[in-house]
């Protein structure tokens, strides 16, 4: 579900046209 913290973070990235790139292992 895209709610709460997840919604706010994604909204900020999408509104500002910022790519999120992540590499874990």
PDBML (XML) file of the C-alpha atoms, coordinates in Angstrom:
<?xml version="1.0" encoding="UTF-8" ?>
<PDBx:datablock datablockName="MODEL"
   xmlns:PDBx="http://pdbml.pdb.org/schema/pdbx-v50.xsd"
   xmlns:xsi="http://www.w3.org/2001/XMLSchema-instance"
   xsi:schemaLocation="http://pdbml.pdb.org/schema/pdbx-v50.xsd pdbx-v50.xsd">
   <PDBx:atom_siteCategory>
      <PDBx:atom_site id="1">
         <PDBx:B_iso_or_equiv>0.00</PDBx:B_iso_or_equiv>
         <PDBx:Cartn_x>0.000</PDBx:Cartn_x>
         <PDBx:Cartn_y>0.000</PDBx:Cartn_y>
         <PDBx:Cartn_z>0.000</PDBx:Cartn_z>
         <PDBx:auth_asym_id>A</PDBx:auth_asym_id>
         <PDBx:auth_atom_id>CA</PDBx:auth_atom_id>
         <PDBx:auth_comp_id>UNK</PDBx:auth_comp_id>
         <PDBx:auth_seq_id>1</PDBx:auth_seq_id>
         <PDBx:group_PDB>ATOM</PDBx:group_PDB>
         <PDBx:label_alt_id xsi:nil="true" />
         <PDBx:label_asym_id>A</PDBx:label_asym_id>
         <PDBx:label_atom_id>CA</PDBx:label_atom_id>
         <PDBx:label_comp_id>UNK</PDBx:label_comp_id>
         <PDBx:label_entity_id>1</PDBx:label_entity_id>
         <PDBx:label_seq_id>1</PDBx:label_seq_id>
         <PDBx:occupancy>1.00</PDBx:occupancy>
         <PDBx:pdbx_PDB_model_num>1</PDBx:pdbx_PDB_model_num>
         <PDBx:type_symbol>C</PDBx:type_symbol>
      </PDBx:atom_site>
      <PDBx:atom_site id="2">
         <PDBx:B_iso_or_equiv>0.00</PDBx:B_iso_or_equiv>
         <PDBx:Cartn_x>1.278</PDBx:Cartn_x>
         <PDBx:Cartn_y>3.466</PDBx:Cartn_y>
         <PDBx:Cartn_z>-0.963</PDBx:Cartn_z>
         <PDBx:auth_asym_id>A</PDBx:auth_asym_id>
         <PDBx:auth_atom_id>CA</PDBx:auth_atom_id>
         <PDBx:auth_comp_id>UNK</PDBx:auth_comp_id>
         <PDBx:auth_seq_id>2</PDBx:auth_seq_id>
         <PDBx:group_PDB>ATOM</PDBx:group_PDB>
         <PDBx:label_alt_id xsi:nil="true" />
         <PDBx:label_asym_id>A</PDBx:label_asym_id>
         <PDBx:label_atom_id>CA</PDBx:label_atom_id>
         <PDBx:label_comp_id>UNK</PDBx:label_comp_id>
         <PDBx:label_entity_id>1</PDBx:label_entity_id>
         <PDBx:label_seq_id>2</PDBx:label_seq_id>
         <PDBx:occupancy>1.00</PDBx:occupancy>
         <PDBx:pdbx_PDB_model_num>1</PDBx:pdbx_PDB_model_num>
         <PDBx:type_symbol>C</PDBx:type_symbol>
      </PDBx:atom_site>
      <PDBx:atom_site id="3">
         <PDBx:B_iso_or_equiv>0.00</PDBx:B_iso_or_equiv>
         <PDBx:Cartn_x>0.270</PDBx:Cartn_x>
         <PDBx:Cartn_y>5.270</PDBx:Cartn_y>
         <PDBx:Cartn_z>2.218</PDBx:Cartn_z>
         <PDBx:auth_asym_id>A</PDBx:auth_asym_id>
         <PDBx:auth_atom_id>CA</PDBx:auth_atom_id>
         <PDBx:auth_comp_id>UNK</PDBx:auth_comp_id>
         <PDBx:auth_seq_id>3</PDBx:auth_seq_id>
         <PDBx:group_PDB>ATOM</PDBx:group_PDB>
         <PDBx:label_alt_id xsi:nil="true" />
         <PDBx:label_asym_id>A</PDBx:label_asym_id>
         <PDBx:label_atom_id>CA</PDBx:label_atom_id>
         <PDBx:label_comp_id>UNK</PDBx:label_comp_id>
         <PDBx:label_entity_id>1</PDBx:label_entity_id>
         <PDBx:label_seq_id>3</PDBx:label_seq_id>
         <PDBx:occupancy>1.00</PDBx:occupancy>
         <PDBx:pdbx_PDB_model_num>1</PDBx:pdbx_PDB_model_num>
         <PDBx:type_symbol>C</PDBx:type_symbol>
      </PDBx:atom_site>
      <PDBx:atom_site id="4">
         <PDBx:B_iso_or_equiv>0.00</PDBx:B_iso_or_equiv>
         <PDBx:Cartn_x>1.925</PDBx:Cartn_x>
         <PDBx:Cartn_y>7.236</PDBx:Cartn_y>
         <PDBx:Cartn_z>5.018</PDBx:Cartn_z>
         <PDBx:auth_asym_id>A</PDBx:auth_asym_id>
         <PDBx:auth_atom_id>CA</PDBx:auth_atom_id>
         <PDBx:auth_comp_id>UNK</PDBx:auth_comp_id>
         <PDBx:auth_seq_id>4</PDBx:auth_seq_id>
         <PDBx:group_PDB>ATOM</PDBx:group_PDB>
         <PDBx:label_alt_id xsi:nil="true" />
         <PDBx:label_asym_id>A</PDBx:label_asym_id>
         <PDBx:label_atom_id>CA</PDBx:label_atom_id>
         <PDBx:label_comp_id>UNK</PDBx:label_comp_id>
         <PDBx:label_entity_id>1</PDBx:label_entity_id>
         <PDBx:label_seq_id>4</PDBx:label_seq_id>
         <PDBx:occupancy>1.00</PDBx:occupancy>
         <PDBx:pdbx_PDB_model_num>1</PDBx:pdbx_PDB_model_num>
         <PDBx:type_symbol>C</PDBx:type_symbol>
      </PDBx:atom_site>
      <PDBx:atom_site id="5">
         <PDBx:B_iso_or_equiv>0.00</PDBx:B_iso_or_equiv>
         <PDBx:Cartn_x>5.701</PDBx:Cartn_x>
         <PDBx:Cartn_y>7.512</PDBx:Cartn_y>
         <PDBx:Cartn_z>4.861</PDBx:Cartn_z>
         <PDBx:auth_asym_id>A</PDBx:auth_asym_id>
         <PDBx:auth_atom_id>CA</PDBx:auth_atom_id>
         <PDBx:auth_comp_id>UNK</PDBx:auth_comp_id>
         <PDBx:auth_seq_id>5</PDBx:auth_seq_id>
         <PDBx:group_PDB>ATOM</PDBx:group_PDB>
         <PDBx:label_alt_id xsi:nil="true" />
         <PDBx:label_asym_id>A</PDBx:label_asym_id>
         <PDBx:label_atom_id>CA</PDBx:label_atom_id>
         <PDBx:label_comp_id>UNK</PDBx:label_comp_id>
         <PDBx:label_entity_id>1</PDBx:label_entity_id>
         <PDBx:label_seq_id>5</PDBx:label_seq_id>
         <PDBx:occupancy>1.00</PDBx:occupancy>
         <PDBx:pdbx_PDB_model_num>1</PDBx:pdbx_PDB_model_num>
         <PDBx:type_symbol>C</PDBx:type_symbol>
      </PDBx:atom_site>
      <PDBx:atom_site id="6">
         <PDBx:B_iso_or_equiv>0.00</PDBx:B_iso_or_equiv>
         <PDBx:Cartn_x>5.870</PDBx:Cartn_x>
         <PDBx:Cartn_y>5.602</PDBx:Cartn_y>
         <PDBx:Cartn_z>1.578</PDBx:Cartn_z>
         <PDBx:auth_asym_id>A</PDBx:auth_asym_id>
         <PDBx:auth_atom_id>CA</PDBx:auth_atom_id>
         <PDBx:auth_comp_id>UNK</PDBx:auth_comp_id>
         <PDBx:auth_seq_id>6</PDBx:auth_seq_id>
         <PDBx:group_PDB>ATOM</PDBx:group_PDB>
         <PDBx:label_alt_id xsi:nil="true" />
         <PDBx:label_asym_id>A</PDBx:label_asym_id>
         <PDBx:label_atom_id>CA</PDBx:label_atom_id>
         <PDBx:label_comp_id>UNK</PDBx:label_comp_id>
         <PDBx:label_entity_id>1</PDBx:label_entity_id>
         <PDBx:label_seq_id>6</PDBx:label_seq_id>
         <PDBx:occupancy>1.00</PDBx:occupancy>
         <PDBx:pdbx_PDB_model_num>1</PDBx:pdbx_PDB_model_num>
         <PDBx:type_symbol>C</PDBx:type_symbol>
      </PDBx:atom_site>
      <PDBx:atom_site id="7">
         <PDBx:B_iso_or_equiv>0.00</PDBx:B_iso_or_equiv>
         <PDBx:Cartn_x>3.338</PDBx:Cartn_x>
         <PDBx:Cartn_y>7.912</PDBx:Cartn_y>
         <PDBx:Cartn_z>-0.082</PDBx:Cartn_z>
         <PDBx:auth_asym_id>A</PDBx:auth_asym_id>
         <PDBx:auth_atom_id>CA</PDBx:auth_atom_id>
         <PDBx:auth_comp_id>UNK</PDBx:auth_comp_id>
         <PDBx:auth_seq_id>7</PDBx:auth_seq_id>
         <PDBx:group_PDB>ATOM</PDBx:group_PDB>
         <PDBx:label_alt_id xsi:nil="true" />
         <PDBx:label_asym_id>A</PDBx:label_asym_id>
         <PDBx:label_atom_id>CA</PDBx:label_atom_id>
         <PDBx:label_comp_id>UNK</PDBx:label_comp_id>
         <PDBx:label_entity_id>1</PDBx:label_entity_id>
         <PDBx:label_seq_id>7</PDBx:label_seq_id>
         <PDBx:occupancy>1.00</PDBx:occupancy>
         <PDBx:pdbx_PDB_model_num>1</PDBx:pdbx_PDB_model_num>
         <PDBx:type_symbol>C</PDBx:type_symbol>
      </PDBx:atom_site>
      <PDBx:atom_site id="8">
         <PDBx:B_iso_or_equiv>0.00</PDBx:B_iso_or_equiv>
         <PDBx:Cartn_x>5.133</PDBx:Cartn_x>
         <PDBx:Cartn_y>11.063</PDBx:Cartn_y>
         <PDBx:Cartn_z>1.075</PDBx:Cartn_z>
         <PDBx:auth_asym_id>A</PDBx:auth_asym_id>
         <PDBx:auth_atom_id>CA</PDBx:auth_atom_id>
         <PDBx:auth_comp_id>UNK</PDBx:auth_comp_id>
         <PDBx:auth_seq_id>8</PDBx:auth_seq_id>
         <PDBx:group_PDB>ATOM</PDBx:group_PDB>
         <PDBx:label_alt_id xsi:nil="true" />
         <PDBx:label_asym_id>A</PDBx:label_asym_id>
         <PDBx:label_atom_id>CA</PDBx:label_atom_id>
         <PDBx:label_comp_id>UNK</PDBx:label_comp_id>
         <PDBx:label_entity_id>1</PDBx:label_entity_id>
         <PDBx:label_seq_id>8</PDBx:label_seq_id>
         <PDBx:occupancy>1.00</PDBx:occupancy>
         <PDBx:pdbx_PDB_model_num>1</PDBx:pdbx_PDB_model_num>
         <PDBx:type_symbol>C</PDBx:type_symbol>
      </PDBx:atom_site>
      <PDBx:atom_site id="9">
         <PDBx:B_iso_or_equiv>0.00</PDBx:B_iso_or_equiv>
         <PDBx:Cartn_x>8.549</PDBx:Cartn_x>
         <PDBx:Cartn_y>9.906</PDBx:Cartn_y>
         <PDBx:Cartn_z>-0.076</PDBx:Cartn_z>
         <PDBx:auth_asym_id>A</PDBx:auth_asym_id>
         <PDBx:auth_atom_id>CA</PDBx:auth_atom_id>
         <PDBx:auth_comp_id>UNK</PDBx:auth_comp_id>
         <PDBx:auth_seq_id>9</PDBx:auth_seq_id>
         <PDBx:group_PDB>ATOM</PDBx:group_PDB>
         <PDBx:label_alt_id xsi:nil="true" />
         <PDBx:label_asym_id>A</PDBx:label_asym_id>
         <PDBx:label_atom_id>CA</PDBx:label_atom_id>
         <PDBx:label_comp_id>UNK</PDBx:label_comp_id>
         <PDBx:label_entity_id>1</PDBx:label_entity_id>
         <PDBx:label_seq_id>9</PDBx:label_seq_id>
         <PDBx:occupancy>1.00</PDBx:occupancy>
         <PDBx:pdbx_PDB_model_num>1</PDBx:pdbx_PDB_model_num>
         <PDBx:type_symbol>C</PDBx:type_symbol>
      </PDBx:atom_site>
      <PDBx:atom_site id="10">
         <PDBx:B_iso_or_equiv>0.00</PDBx:B_iso_or_equiv>
         <PDBx:Cartn_x>7.319</PDBx:Cartn_x>
         <PDBx:Cartn_y>8.732</PDBx:Cartn_y>
         <PDBx:Cartn_z>-3.481</PDBx:Cartn_z>
         <PDBx:auth_asym_id>A</PDBx:auth_asym_id>
         <PDBx:auth_atom_id>CA</PDBx:auth_atom_id>
         <PDBx:auth_comp_id>UNK</PDBx:auth_comp_id>
         <PDBx:auth_seq_id>10</PDBx:auth_seq_id>
         <PDBx:group_PDB>ATOM</PDBx:group_PDB>
         <PDBx:label_alt_id xsi:nil="true" />
         <PDBx:label_asym_id>A</PDBx:label_asym_id>
         <PDBx:label_atom_id>CA</PDBx:label_atom_id>
         <PDBx:label_comp_id>UNK</PDBx:label_comp_id>
         <PDBx:label_entity_id>1</PDBx:label_entity_id>
         <PDBx:label_seq_id>10</PDBx:label_seq_id>
         <PDBx:occupancy>1.00</PDBx:occupancy>
         <PDBx:pdbx_PDB_model_num>1</PDBx:pdbx_PDB_model_num>
         <PDBx:type_symbol>C</PDBx:type_symbol>
      </PDBx:atom_site>
      <PDBx:atom_site id="11">
         <PDBx:B_iso_or_equiv>0.00</PDBx:B_iso_or_equiv>
         <PDBx:Cartn_x>5.254</PDBx:Cartn_x>
         <PDBx:Cartn_y>11.881</PDBx:Cartn_y>
         <PDBx:Cartn_z>-3.963</PDBx:Cartn_z>
         <PDBx:auth_asym_id>A</PDBx:auth_asym_id>
         <PDBx:auth_atom_id>CA</PDBx:auth_atom_id>
         <PDBx:auth_comp_id>UNK</PDBx:auth_comp_id>
         <PDBx:auth_seq_id>11</PDBx:auth_seq_id>
         <PDBx:group_PDB>ATOM</PDBx:group_PDB>
         <PDBx:label_alt_id xsi:nil="true" />
         <PDBx:label_asym_id>A</PDBx:label_asym_id>
         <PDBx:label_atom_id>CA</PDBx:label_atom_id>
         <PDBx:label_comp_id>UNK</PDBx:label_comp_id>
         <PDBx:label_entity_id>1</PDBx:label_entity_id>
         <PDBx:label_seq_id>11</PDBx:label_seq_id>
         <PDBx:occupancy>1.00</PDBx:occupancy>
         <PDBx:pdbx_PDB_model_num>1</PDBx:pdbx_PDB_model_num>
         <PDBx:type_symbol>C</PDBx:type_symbol>
      </PDBx:atom_site>
      <PDBx:atom_site id="12">
         <PDBx:B_iso_or_equiv>0.00</PDBx:B_iso_or_equiv>
         <PDBx:Cartn_x>8.285</PDBx:Cartn_x>
         <PDBx:Cartn_y>14.083</PDBx:Cartn_y>
         <PDBx:Cartn_z>-3.303</PDBx:Cartn_z>
         <PDBx:auth_asym_id>A</PDBx:auth_asym_id>
         <PDBx:auth_atom_id>CA</PDBx:auth_atom_id>
         <PDBx:auth_comp_id>UNK</PDBx:auth_comp_id>
         <PDBx:auth_seq_id>12</PDBx:auth_seq_id>
         <PDBx:group_PDB>ATOM</PDBx:group_PDB>
         <PDBx:label_alt_id xsi:nil="true" />
         <PDBx:label_asym_id>A</PDBx:label_asym_id>
         <PDBx:label_atom_id>CA</PDBx:label_atom_id>
         <PDBx:label_comp_id>UNK</PDBx:label_comp_id>
         <PDBx:label_entity_id>1</PDBx:label_entity_id>
         <PDBx:label_seq_id>12</PDBx:label_seq_id>
         <PDBx:occupancy>1.00</PDBx:occupancy>
         <PDBx:pdbx_PDB_model_num>1</PDBx:pdbx_PDB_model_num>
         <PDBx:type_symbol>C</PDBx:type_symbol>
      </PDBx:atom_site>
      <PDBx:atom_site id="13">
         <PDBx:B_iso_or_equiv>0.00</PDBx:B_iso_or_equiv>
         <PDBx:Cartn_x>10.425</PDBx:Cartn_x>
         <PDBx:Cartn_y>12.168</PDBx:Cartn_y>
         <PDBx:Cartn_z>-5.798</PDBx:Cartn_z>
         <PDBx:auth_asym_id>A</PDBx:auth_asym_id>
         <PDBx:auth_atom_id>CA</PDBx:auth_atom_id>
         <PDBx:auth_comp_id>UNK</PDBx:auth_comp_id>
         <PDBx:auth_seq_id>13</PDBx:auth_seq_id>
         <PDBx:group_PDB>ATOM</PDBx:group_PDB>
         <PDBx:label_alt_id xsi:nil="true" />
         <PDBx:label_asym_id>A</PDBx:label_asym_id>
         <PDBx:label_atom_id>CA</PDBx:label_atom_id>
         <PDBx:label_comp_id>UNK</PDBx:label_comp_id>
         <PDBx:label_entity_id>1</PDBx:label_entity_id>
         <PDBx:label_seq_id>13</PDBx:label_seq_id>
         <PDBx:occupancy>1.00</PDBx:occupancy>
         <PDBx:pdbx_PDB_model_num>1</PDBx:pdbx_PDB_model_num>
         <PDBx:type_symbol>C</PDBx:type_symbol>
      </PDBx:atom_site>
      <PDBx:atom_site id="14">
         <PDBx:B_iso_or_equiv>0.00</PDBx:B_iso_or_equiv>
         <PDBx:Cartn_x>7.744</PDBx:Cartn_x>
         <PDBx:Cartn_y>12.101</PDBx:Cartn_y>
         <PDBx:Cartn_z>-8.504</PDBx:Cartn_z>
         <PDBx:auth_asym_id>A</PDBx:auth_asym_id>
         <PDBx:auth_atom_id>CA</PDBx:auth_atom_id>
         <PDBx:auth_comp_id>UNK</PDBx:auth_comp_id>
         <PDBx:auth_seq_id>14</PDBx:auth_seq_id>
         <PDBx:group_PDB>ATOM</PDBx:group_PDB>
         <PDBx:label_alt_id xsi:nil="true" />
         <PDBx:label_asym_id>A</PDBx:label_asym_id>
         <PDBx:label_atom_id>CA</PDBx:label_atom_id>
         <PDBx:label_comp_id>UNK</PDBx:label_comp_id>
         <PDBx:label_entity_id>1</PDBx:label_entity_id>
         <PDBx:label_seq_id>14</PDBx:label_seq_id>
         <PDBx:occupancy>1.00</PDBx:occupancy>
         <PDBx:pdbx_PDB_model_num>1</PDBx:pdbx_PDB_model_num>
         <PDBx:type_symbol>C</PDBx:type_symbol>
      </PDBx:atom_site>
      <PDBx:atom_site id="15">
         <PDBx:B_iso_or_equiv>0.00</PDBx:B_iso_or_equiv>
         <PDBx:Cartn_x>6.762</PDBx:Cartn_x>
         <PDBx:Cartn_y>15.752</PDBx:Cartn_y>
         <PDBx:Cartn_z>-8.105</PDBx:Cartn_z>
         <PDBx:auth_asym_id>A</PDBx:auth_asym_id>
         <PDBx:auth_atom_id>CA</PDBx:auth_atom_id>
         <PDBx:auth_comp_id>UNK</PDBx:auth_comp_id>
         <PDBx:auth_seq_id>15</PDBx:auth_seq_id>
         <PDBx:group_PDB>ATOM</PDBx:group_PDB>
         <PDBx:label_alt_id xsi:nil="true" />
         <PDBx:label_asym_id>A</PDBx:label_asym_id>
         <PDBx:label_atom_id>CA</PDBx:label_atom_id>
         <PDBx:label_comp_id>UNK</PDBx:label_comp_id>
         <PDBx:label_entity_id>1</PDBx:label_entity_id>
         <PDBx:label_seq_id>15</PDBx:label_seq_id>
         <PDBx:occupancy>1.00</PDBx:occupancy>
         <PDBx:pdbx_PDB_model_num>1</PDBx:pdbx_PDB_model_num>
         <PDBx:type_symbol>C</PDBx:type_symbol>
      </PDBx:atom_site>
      <PDBx:atom_site id="16">
         <PDBx:B_iso_or_equiv>0.00</PDBx:B_iso_or_equiv>
         <PDBx:Cartn_x>10.390</PDBx:Cartn_x>
         <PDBx:Cartn_y>16.776</PDBx:Cartn_y>
         <PDBx:Cartn_z>-8.509</PDBx:Cartn_z>
         <PDBx:auth_asym_id>A</PDBx:auth_asym_id>
         <PDBx:auth_atom_id>CA</PDBx:auth_atom_id>
         <PDBx:auth_comp_id>UNK</PDBx:auth_comp_id>
         <PDBx:auth_seq_id>16</PDBx:auth_seq_id>
         <PDBx:group_PDB>ATOM</PDBx:group_PDB>
         <PDBx:label_alt_id xsi:nil="true" />
         <PDBx:label_asym_id>A</PDBx:label_asym_id>
         <PDBx:label_atom_id>CA</PDBx:label_atom_id>
         <PDBx:label_comp_id>UNK</PDBx:label_comp_id>
         <PDBx:label_entity_id>1</PDBx:label_entity_id>
         <PDBx:label_seq_id>16</PDBx:label_seq_id>
         <PDBx:occupancy>1.00</PDBx:occupancy>
         <PDBx:pdbx_PDB_model_num>1</PDBx:pdbx_PDB_model_num>
         <PDBx:type_symbol>C</PDBx:type_symbol>
      </PDBx:atom_site>
      <PDBx:atom_site id="17">
         <PDBx:B_iso_or_equiv>0.00</PDBx:B_iso_or_equiv>
         <PDBx:Cartn_x>11.137</PDBx:Cartn_x>
         <PDBx:Cartn_y>14.338</PDBx:Cartn_y>
         <PDBx:Cartn_z>-11.353</PDBx:Cartn_z>
         <PDBx:auth_asym_id>A</PDBx:auth_asym_id>
         <PDBx:auth_atom_id>CA</PDBx:auth_atom_id>
         <PDBx:auth_comp_id>UNK</PDBx:auth_comp_id>
         <PDBx:auth_seq_id>17</PDBx:auth_seq_id>
         <PDBx:group_PDB>ATOM</PDBx:group_PDB>
         <PDBx:label_alt_id xsi:nil="true" />
         <PDBx:label_asym_id>A</PDBx:label_asym_id>
         <PDBx:label_atom_id>CA</PDBx:label_atom_id>
         <PDBx:label_comp_id>UNK</PDBx:label_comp_id>
         <PDBx:label_entity_id>1</PDBx:label_entity_id>
         <PDBx:label_seq_id>17</PDBx:label_seq_id>
         <PDBx:occupancy>1.00</PDBx:occupancy>
         <PDBx:pdbx_PDB_model_num>1</PDBx:pdbx_PDB_model_num>
         <PDBx:type_symbol>C</PDBx:type_symbol>
      </PDBx:atom_site>
      <PDBx:atom_site id="18">
         <PDBx:B_iso_or_equiv>0.00</PDBx:B_iso_or_equiv>
         <PDBx:Cartn_x>13.992</PDBx:Cartn_x>
         <PDBx:Cartn_y>12.711</PDBx:Cartn_y>
         <PDBx:Cartn_z>-9.409</PDBx:Cartn_z>
         <PDBx:auth_asym_id>A</PDBx:auth_asym_id>
         <PDBx:auth_atom_id>CA</PDBx:auth_atom_id>
         <PDBx:auth_comp_id>UNK</PDBx:auth_comp_id>
         <PDBx:auth_seq_id>18</PDBx:auth_seq_id>
         <PDBx:group_PDB>ATOM</PDBx:group_PDB>
         <PDBx:label_alt_id xsi:nil="true" />
         <PDBx:label_asym_id>A</PDBx:label_asym_id>
         <PDBx:label_atom_id>CA</PDBx:label_atom_id>
         <PDBx:label_comp_id>UNK</PDBx:label_comp_id>
         <PDBx:label_entity_id>1</PDBx:label_entity_id>
         <PDBx:label_seq_id>18</PDBx:label_seq_id>
         <PDBx:occupancy>1.00</PDBx:occupancy>
         <PDBx:pdbx_PDB_model_num>1</PDBx:pdbx_PDB_model_num>
         <PDBx:type_symbol>C</PDBx:type_symbol>
      </PDBx:atom_site>
      <PDBx:atom_site id="19">
         <PDBx:B_iso_or_equiv>0.00</PDBx:B_iso_or_equiv>
         <PDBx:Cartn_x>15.126</PDBx:Cartn_x>
         <PDBx:Cartn_y>9.178</PDBx:Cartn_y>
         <PDBx:Cartn_z>-10.236</PDBx:Cartn_z>
         <PDBx:auth_asym_id>A</PDBx:auth_asym_id>
         <PDBx:auth_atom_id>CA</PDBx:auth_atom_id>
         <PDBx:auth_comp_id>UNK</PDBx:auth_comp_id>
         <PDBx:auth_seq_id>19</PDBx:auth_seq_id>
         <PDBx:group_PDB>ATOM</PDBx:group_PDB>
         <PDBx:label_alt_id xsi:nil="true" />
         <PDBx:label_asym_id>A</PDBx:label_asym_id>
         <PDBx:label_atom_id>CA</PDBx:label_atom_id>
         <PDBx:label_comp_id>UNK</PDBx:label_comp_id>
         <PDBx:label_entity_id>1</PDBx:label_entity_id>
         <PDBx:label_seq_id>19</PDBx:label_seq_id>
         <PDBx:occupancy>1.00</PDBx:occupancy>
         <PDBx:pdbx_PDB_model_num>1</PDBx:pdbx_PDB_model_num>
         <PDBx:type_symbol>C</PDBx:type_symbol>
      </PDBx:atom_site>
      <PDBx:atom_site id="20">
         <PDBx:B_iso_or_equiv>0.00</PDBx:B_iso_or_equiv>
         <PDBx:Cartn_x>15.699</PDBx:Cartn_x>
         <PDBx:Cartn_y>6.868</PDBx:Cartn_y>
         <PDBx:Cartn_z>-7.278</PDBx:Cartn_z>
         <PDBx:auth_asym_id>A</PDBx:auth_asym_id>
         <PDBx:auth_atom_id>CA</PDBx:auth_atom_id>
         <PDBx:auth_comp_id>UNK</PDBx:auth_comp_id>
         <PDBx:auth_seq_id>20</PDBx:auth_seq_id>
         <PDBx:group_PDB>ATOM</PDBx:group_PDB>
         <PDBx:label_alt_id xsi:nil="true" />
         <PDBx:label_asym_id>A</PDBx:label_asym_id>
         <PDBx:label_atom_id>CA</PDBx:label_atom_id>
         <PDBx:label_comp_id>UNK</PDBx:label_comp_id>
         <PDBx:label_entity_id>1</PDBx:label_entity_id>
         <PDBx:label_seq_id>20</PDBx:label_seq_id>
         <PDBx:occupancy>1.00</PDBx:occupancy>
         <PDBx:pdbx_PDB_model_num>1</PDBx:pdbx_PDB_model_num>
         <PDBx:type_symbol>C</PDBx:type_symbol>
      </PDBx:atom_site>
      <PDBx:atom_site id="21">
         <PDBx:B_iso_or_equiv>0.00</PDBx:B_iso_or_equiv>
         <PDBx:Cartn_x>18.399</PDBx:Cartn_x>
         <PDBx:Cartn_y>4.257</PDBx:Cartn_y>
         <PDBx:Cartn_z>-7.863</PDBx:Cartn_z>
         <PDBx:auth_asym_id>A</PDBx:auth_asym_id>
         <PDBx:auth_atom_id>CA</PDBx:auth_atom_id>
         <PDBx:auth_comp_id>UNK</PDBx:auth_comp_id>
         <PDBx:auth_seq_id>21</PDBx:auth_seq_id>
         <PDBx:group_PDB>ATOM</PDBx:group_PDB>
         <PDBx:label_alt_id xsi:nil="true" />
         <PDBx:label_asym_id>A</PDBx:label_asym_id>
         <PDBx:label_atom_id>CA</PDBx:label_atom_id>
         <PDBx:label_comp_id>UNK</PDBx:label_comp_id>
         <PDBx:label_entity_id>1</PDBx:label_entity_id>
         <PDBx:label_seq_id>21</PDBx:label_seq_id>
         <PDBx:occupancy>1.00</PDBx:occupancy>
         <PDBx:pdbx_PDB_model_num>1</PDBx:pdbx_PDB_model_num>
         <PDBx:type_symbol>C</PDBx:type_symbol>
      </PDBx:atom_site>
      <PDBx:atom_site id="22">
         <PDBx:B_iso_or_equiv>0.00</PDBx:B_iso_or_equiv>
         <PDBx:Cartn_x>19.305</PDBx:Cartn_x>
         <PDBx:Cartn_y>1.728</PDBx:Cartn_y>
         <PDBx:Cartn_z>-5.187</PDBx:Cartn_z>
         <PDBx:auth_asym_id>A</PDBx:auth_asym_id>
         <PDBx:auth_atom_id>CA</PDBx:auth_atom_id>
         <PDBx:auth_comp_id>UNK</PDBx:auth_comp_id>
         <PDBx:auth_seq_id>22</PDBx:auth_seq_id>
         <PDBx:group_PDB>ATOM</PDBx:group_PDB>
         <PDBx:label_alt_id xsi:nil="true" />
         <PDBx:label_asym_id>A</PDBx:label_asym_id>
         <PDBx:label_atom_id>CA</PDBx:label_atom_id>
         <PDBx:label_comp_id>UNK</PDBx:label_comp_id>
         <PDBx:label_entity_id>1</PDBx:label_entity_id>
         <PDBx:label_seq_id>22</PDBx:label_seq_id>
         <PDBx:occupancy>1.00</PDBx:occupancy>
         <PDBx:pdbx_PDB_model_num>1</PDBx:pdbx_PDB_model_num>
         <PDBx:type_symbol>C</PDBx:type_symbol>
      </PDBx:atom_site>
      <PDBx:atom_site id="23">
         <PDBx:B_iso_or_equiv>0.00</PDBx:B_iso_or_equiv>
         <PDBx:Cartn_x>21.817</PDBx:Cartn_x>
         <PDBx:Cartn_y>-1.104</PDBx:Cartn_y>
         <PDBx:Cartn_z>-4.969</PDBx:Cartn_z>
         <PDBx:auth_asym_id>A</PDBx:auth_asym_id>
         <PDBx:auth_atom_id>CA</PDBx:auth_atom_id>
         <PDBx:auth_comp_id>UNK</PDBx:auth_comp_id>
         <PDBx:auth_seq_id>23</PDBx:auth_seq_id>
         <PDBx:group_PDB>ATOM</PDBx:group_PDB>
         <PDBx:label_alt_id xsi:nil="true" />
         <PDBx:label_asym_id>A</PDBx:label_asym_id>
         <PDBx:label_atom_id>CA</PDBx:label_atom_id>
         <PDBx:label_comp_id>UNK</PDBx:label_comp_id>
         <PDBx:label_entity_id>1</PDBx:label_entity_id>
         <PDBx:label_seq_id>23</PDBx:label_seq_id>
         <PDBx:occupancy>1.00</PDBx:occupancy>
         <PDBx:pdbx_PDB_model_num>1</PDBx:pdbx_PDB_model_num>
         <PDBx:type_symbol>C</PDBx:type_symbol>
      </PDBx:atom_site>
      <PDBx:atom_site id="24">
         <PDBx:B_iso_or_equiv>0.00</PDBx:B_iso_or_equiv>
         <PDBx:Cartn_x>21.769</PDBx:Cartn_x>
         <PDBx:Cartn_y>-3.323</PDBx:Cartn_y>
         <PDBx:Cartn_z>-1.909</PDBx:Cartn_z>
         <PDBx:auth_asym_id>A</PDBx:auth_asym_id>
         <PDBx:auth_atom_id>CA</PDBx:auth_atom_id>
         <PDBx:auth_comp_id>UNK</PDBx:auth_comp_id>
         <PDBx:auth_seq_id>24</PDBx:auth_seq_id>
         <PDBx:group_PDB>ATOM</PDBx:group_PDB>
         <PDBx:label_alt_id xsi:nil="true" />
         <PDBx:label_asym_id>A</PDBx:label_asym_id>
         <PDBx:label_atom_id>CA</PDBx:label_atom_id>
         <PDBx:label_comp_id>UNK</PDBx:label_comp_id>
         <PDBx:label_entity_id>1</PDBx:label_entity_id>
         <PDBx:label_seq_id>24</PDBx:label_seq_id>
         <PDBx:occupancy>1.00</PDBx:occupancy>
         <PDBx:pdbx_PDB_model_num>1</PDBx:pdbx_PDB_model_num>
         <PDBx:type_symbol>C</PDBx:type_symbol>
      </PDBx:atom_site>
      <PDBx:atom_site id="25">
         <PDBx:B_iso_or_equiv>0.00</PDBx:B_iso_or_equiv>
         <PDBx:Cartn_x>23.766</PDBx:Cartn_x>
         <PDBx:Cartn_y>-6.599</PDBx:Cartn_y>
         <PDBx:Cartn_z>-1.981</PDBx:Cartn_z>
         <PDBx:auth_asym_id>A</PDBx:auth_asym_id>
         <PDBx:auth_atom_id>CA</PDBx:auth_atom_id>
         <PDBx:auth_comp_id>UNK</PDBx:auth_comp_id>
         <PDBx:auth_seq_id>25</PDBx:auth_seq_id>
         <PDBx:group_PDB>ATOM</PDBx:group_PDB>
         <PDBx:label_alt_id xsi:nil="true" />
         <PDBx:label_asym_id>A</PDBx:label_asym_id>
         <PDBx:label_atom_id>CA</PDBx:label_atom_id>
         <PDBx:label_comp_id>UNK</PDBx:label_comp_id>
         <PDBx:label_entity_id>1</PDBx:label_entity_id>
         <PDBx:label_seq_id>25</PDBx:label_seq_id>
         <PDBx:occupancy>1.00</PDBx:occupancy>
         <PDBx:pdbx_PDB_model_num>1</PDBx:pdbx_PDB_model_num>
         <PDBx:type_symbol>C</PDBx:type_symbol>
      </PDBx:atom_site>
   </PDBx:atom_siteCategory>
</PDBx:datablock>
